[in-house]
Amino acid sequence: MARDIDEAVIAYKTLLAGILDNRPSGTRQRLASALGKHRSFVTQVTSPAYDTPLPARHLPTIFRVCHFSPAEQERFLAAYEAAHPGRLPDAGGSERLRPLTLMAPDFGDEKKNRQFDDAIAELVQKMAALAGGGE
C-alpha cells in the first residue's frame, strides 16, 4: 500500500517536473514567490526525487503561475487524485472560475509587470476565499 502511494506521488511529481521544465527560466522562482515559500520548498514538492507531498492548497497557484493547459491540468489532477484520494475538493479544484480581463499599466519592465500581475492574482484569490467563507 505505501509503495503504491509512493509511486503515485512520483507519478504526479514527474508530470509536474516535466511541465516546469517546459516553462520559461525563472518559473520556479516565480512559483516560490507566489506561494510565499523558498525555492527549496518548490524543489521538494515538485521533484520526484523527494518524497515530500505537494499540499493540495497550492494547486490553484501552481496551475496559474505555471500556465497549465486544460489537458495538462486534467492529467495532473488525475495523477494527484490517485496519490491523495479525496484531497482535491480541499484544493479548490472543483470551484467554478471565470476569466476576468483587466487593463493594467505596462511598466516597461518584464519583472515589474510579472510582480504586478502576481499581486493582482493573489488579491483575487484572497477575495474569492473571503467571499466563499474561507480563511
Protein backbone atom coordinates (compact mmCIF):
# COMPACT_ATOMS: atom_id res chain seq x y z
CA MET A 1 0.00 0.00 0.00
CA ALA A 2 2.69 2.54 0.99
CA ARG A 3 4.67 1.61 -2.10
CA ASP A 4 1.63 2.30 -4.31
CA ILE A 5 1.23 5.72 -2.69
CA ASP A 6 4.94 6.46 -3.17
CA GLU A 7 4.68 5.51 -6.83
CA ALA A 8 1.55 7.64 -7.23
CA VAL A 9 3.34 10.66 -5.70
CA ILE A 10 6.29 10.08 -8.04
CA ALA A 11 3.85 9.93 -10.97
CA TYR A 12 2.29 13.36 -10.35
CA LYS A 13 5.63 14.91 -9.46
CA THR A 14 7.10 13.56 -12.71
CA LEU A 15 4.26 15.21 -14.64
CA LEU A 16 4.77 18.46 -12.75
CA ALA A 17 8.55 18.41 -13.23
CA GLY A 18 8.07 17.89 -16.97
CA ILE A 19 5.68 20.83 -17.18
CA LEU A 20 8.05 23.06 -15.20
CA ASP A 21 10.96 22.05 -17.43
CA ASN A 22 8.99 23.33 -20.43
CA ARG A 23 8.31 26.73 -18.88
CA PRO A 24 10.50 29.83 -19.15
CA SER A 25 13.52 30.30 -16.95
CA GLY A 26 12.56 31.75 -13.59
CA THR A 27 9.22 29.93 -13.32
CA ARG A 28 10.29 28.05 -10.18
CA GLN A 29 11.30 31.32 -8.52
CA ARG A 30 8.00 32.96 -9.53
CA LEU A 31 6.20 29.95 -8.10
CA ALA A 32 8.12 30.21 -4.83
CA SER A 33 7.23 33.90 -4.59
CA ALA A 34 3.56 33.27 -5.37
CA LEU A 35 3.42 30.56 -2.70
CA GLY A 36 5.29 32.70 -0.18
CA LYS A 37 7.92 29.98 0.16
CA HIS A 38 11.62 29.49 -0.50
CA ARG A 39 12.71 28.00 -3.79
CA SER A 40 13.93 24.90 -1.92
CA PHE A 41 10.31 24.22 -0.92
CA VAL A 42 9.30 24.30 -4.58
CA THR A 43 12.09 21.87 -5.40
CA GLN A 44 10.98 19.48 -2.65
CA VAL A 45 7.32 19.43 -3.63
CA THR A 46 7.85 19.32 -7.39
CA SER A 47 10.77 16.92 -7.75
CA PRO A 48 10.16 13.14 -7.98
CA ALA A 49 13.46 12.69 -6.12
CA TYR A 50 11.87 13.99 -2.89
CA ASP A 51 9.05 12.22 -1.07
CA THR A 52 7.57 15.49 0.24
CA PRO A 53 3.93 15.57 -0.90
CA LEU A 54 2.53 18.63 -2.63
CA PRO A 55 -0.10 20.29 -0.40
CA ALA A 56 -3.47 20.42 -2.16
CA ARG A 57 -3.99 24.07 -1.19
CA HIS A 58 -1.11 25.07 -3.51
CA LEU A 59 -2.61 23.53 -6.66
CA PRO A 60 -4.54 26.61 -7.89
CA THR A 61 -1.42 28.77 -7.54
CA ILE A 62 0.72 26.21 -9.36
CA PHE A 63 -1.81 25.98 -12.20
CA ARG A 64 -1.91 29.77 -12.51
CA VAL A 65 1.81 30.53 -12.26
CA CYS A 66 2.87 27.61 -14.46
CA HIS A 67 0.13 28.30 -17.03
CA PHE A 68 -1.17 24.73 -17.17
CA SER A 69 -3.19 23.95 -20.26
CA PRO A 70 -6.57 22.29 -19.63
CA ALA A 71 -5.12 18.95 -20.79
CA GLU A 72 -2.08 19.29 -18.51
CA GLN A 73 -4.30 20.19 -15.59
CA GLU A 74 -6.60 17.23 -16.23
CA ARG A 75 -3.68 14.76 -16.41
CA PHE A 76 -2.07 16.22 -13.31
CA LEU A 77 -5.30 16.19 -11.28
CA ALA A 78 -5.94 12.55 -12.19
CA ALA A 79 -2.44 11.60 -11.02
CA TYR A 80 -2.77 13.73 -7.86
CA GLU A 81 -6.13 12.14 -7.01
CA ALA A 82 -4.57 8.69 -7.40
CA ALA A 83 -1.86 9.65 -4.89
CA HIS A 84 -4.09 11.54 -2.46
CA PRO A 85 -7.69 10.28 -2.78
CA GLY A 86 -10.31 12.74 -1.61
CA ARG A 87 -7.98 15.71 -1.17
CA LEU A 88 -8.85 17.58 -4.37
CA PRO A 89 -12.04 19.25 -3.12
CA ASP A 90 -9.93 20.93 -0.42
CA ALA A 91 -7.67 22.28 -3.16
CA GLY A 92 -10.50 24.18 -4.77
CA GLY A 93 -10.07 22.05 -7.88
CA SER A 94 -13.84 21.90 -8.35
CA GLU A 95 -14.53 25.58 -7.78
CA ARG A 96 -16.08 27.42 -10.68
CA LEU A 97 -13.81 30.00 -12.20
CA ARG A 98 -14.45 32.62 -14.81
CA PRO A 99 -11.96 34.64 -16.81
CA LEU A 100 -11.54 38.30 -15.97
CA THR A 101 -9.60 40.64 -18.22
CA LEU A 102 -8.13 43.85 -16.85
CA MET A 103 -6.29 46.73 -18.45
CA ALA A 104 -3.15 47.23 -16.39
CA PRO A 105 -0.23 49.63 -16.68
CA ASP A 106 2.81 48.45 -18.63
CA PHE A 107 5.83 49.27 -16.51
CA GLY A 108 8.18 48.66 -19.42
CA ASP A 109 9.94 46.01 -17.34
CA GLU A 110 9.05 42.31 -17.55
CA LYS A 111 9.90 41.69 -13.90
CA LYS A 112 7.76 44.59 -12.63
CA ASN A 113 4.88 43.58 -14.90
CA ARG A 114 5.04 39.99 -13.59
CA GLN A 115 5.16 41.18 -9.97
CA PHE A 116 2.14 43.38 -10.58
CA ASP A 117 0.22 40.55 -12.27
CA ASP A 118 1.07 38.12 -9.45
CA ALA A 119 -0.04 40.65 -6.83
CA ILE A 120 -3.39 41.14 -8.58
CA ALA A 121 -3.88 37.37 -8.92
CA GLU A 122 -3.09 36.89 -5.22
CA LEU A 123 -5.56 39.64 -4.28
CA VAL A 124 -8.28 37.98 -6.34
CA GLN A 125 -7.59 34.59 -4.73
CA LYS A 126 -7.81 36.09 -1.25
CA MET A 127 -11.00 37.99 -2.06
CA ALA A 128 -12.58 34.82 -3.51
CA ALA A 129 -11.62 32.89 -0.37
CA LEU A 130 -13.23 35.57 1.80
CA ALA A 131 -16.38 35.61 -0.31
CA GLY A 132 -16.55 31.83 -0.14
CA GLY A 133 -16.19 31.79 3.64
CA GLY A 134 -12.56 30.69 3.54
CA GLU A 135 -9.67 31.98 5.61
